[in-house]
Amino acid sequence: MTTRRDTAMSTFRTSAGLAAIMVGFVTLLLSRQIDGGFWHGFFQGATVALMVLGAFFVGSGIWPRRRADGDEQEHWLPSRDGSGDGR
């Protein structure tokens, strides 16, 4: 069961991730316009960092997290499926 706070946080993470990816594309274009030097490397590094951060945020916003309240009904455990009872 998801709460309103979980849904809001998921939406925020997905939106923040997409925004980071879009800014990453802007820094990619800027790095392509500058031939060399400090600013070329700066924008290339910013591109990589923003793309990785954006992918992390989008992934954490889309896929559900493990519940902290210990609800084990949602998760499959190999020790509880009857496979270890000697059959």
Protein backbone atom coordinates (compact mmCIF):
# COMPACT_ATOMS: atom_id res chain seq x y z
CA MET A 1 0.00 0.00 0.00
CA THR A 2 1.51 3.30 -1.01
CA THR A 3 0.85 6.48 0.84
CA ARG A 4 0.33 9.94 -0.55
CA ARG A 5 3.84 10.90 0.60
CA ASP A 6 5.39 7.94 -1.28
CA THR A 7 3.53 8.91 -4.44
CA ALA A 8 4.60 12.55 -4.15
CA MET A 9 8.22 11.57 -3.55
CA SER A 10 8.13 9.21 -6.52
CA THR A 11 6.75 11.96 -8.75
CA PHE A 12 9.36 14.41 -7.48
CA ARG A 13 12.23 11.98 -8.10
CA THR A 14 11.04 11.18 -11.60
CA SER A 15 10.62 14.88 -12.45
CA ALA A 16 13.99 15.80 -10.95
CA GLY A 17 15.61 12.97 -12.88
CA LEU A 18 14.12 14.07 -16.18
CA ALA A 19 15.19 17.65 -15.49
CA ALA A 20 18.76 16.51 -14.76
CA ILE A 21 18.83 14.52 -17.99
CA MET A 22 17.60 17.51 -19.98
CA VAL A 23 20.25 19.78 -18.42
CA GLY A 24 22.74 17.03 -19.25
CA PHE A 25 21.77 17.28 -22.92
CA VAL A 26 22.32 21.04 -22.77
CA THR A 27 25.79 20.58 -21.30
CA LEU A 28 26.50 17.98 -23.99
CA LEU A 29 25.66 20.53 -26.69
CA LEU A 30 27.78 23.15 -24.95
CA SER A 31 30.74 20.77 -24.73
CA ARG A 32 30.44 20.08 -28.48
CA GLN A 33 30.61 23.81 -29.24
CA ILE A 34 33.82 24.42 -27.28
CA ASP A 35 36.95 23.00 -28.92
CA GLY A 36 39.14 22.38 -25.90
CA GLY A 37 40.45 23.61 -22.63
CA PHE A 38 38.98 23.75 -19.16
CA TRP A 39 35.42 24.56 -20.19
CA HIS A 40 35.24 21.68 -22.67
CA GLY A 41 36.25 19.23 -19.94
CA PHE A 42 33.98 20.91 -17.42
CA PHE A 43 30.93 20.52 -19.64
CA GLN A 44 31.83 16.93 -20.52
CA GLY A 45 32.13 16.05 -16.85
CA ALA A 46 28.88 17.82 -16.07
CA THR A 47 27.20 15.84 -18.85
CA VAL A 48 28.28 12.52 -17.38
CA ALA A 49 27.40 13.51 -13.82
CA LEU A 50 23.96 14.86 -14.74
CA MET A 51 23.08 11.84 -16.89
CA VAL A 52 24.05 9.38 -14.15
CA LEU A 53 22.25 11.38 -11.46
CA GLY A 54 19.18 11.71 -13.69
CA ALA A 55 19.12 7.97 -14.41
CA PHE A 56 19.36 7.24 -10.68
CA PHE A 57 16.48 9.59 -9.86
CA VAL A 58 14.27 8.27 -12.65
CA GLY A 59 15.00 4.69 -11.63
CA SER A 60 14.30 5.33 -7.96
CA GLY A 61 11.10 7.14 -8.87
CA ILE A 62 9.77 4.42 -11.14
CA TRP A 63 10.64 1.23 -9.27
CA PRO A 64 9.16 0.76 -5.81
CA ARG A 65 11.43 0.70 -2.82
CA ARG A 66 11.53 -1.97 -0.18
CA ARG A 67 9.16 -1.29 2.62
CA ALA A 68 10.74 -0.47 5.95
CA ASP A 69 7.84 -1.75 8.04
CA GLY A 70 8.80 -5.38 7.54
CA ASP A 71 5.86 -6.42 5.37
CA GLU A 72 7.21 -9.67 4.00
CA GLN A 73 4.07 -10.70 2.16
CA GLU A 74 5.16 -8.71 -0.88
CA HIS A 75 8.58 -10.35 -1.20
CA TRP A 76 9.30 -13.90 -2.22
CA LEU A 77 11.69 -15.71 0.07
CA PRO A 78 13.21 -18.99 -1.10
CA SER A 79 13.26 -20.28 2.49
CA ARG A 80 9.45 -20.04 2.69
CA ASP A 81 8.35 -21.61 -0.56
CA GLY A 82 8.54 -25.22 0.66
CA SER A 83 11.56 -26.14 -1.44
CA GLY A 84 13.70 -26.98 1.57
CA ASP A 85 11.33 -29.50 3.17
CA GLY A 86 12.94 -32.54 1.55
CA ARG A 87 10.77 -32.96 -1.52
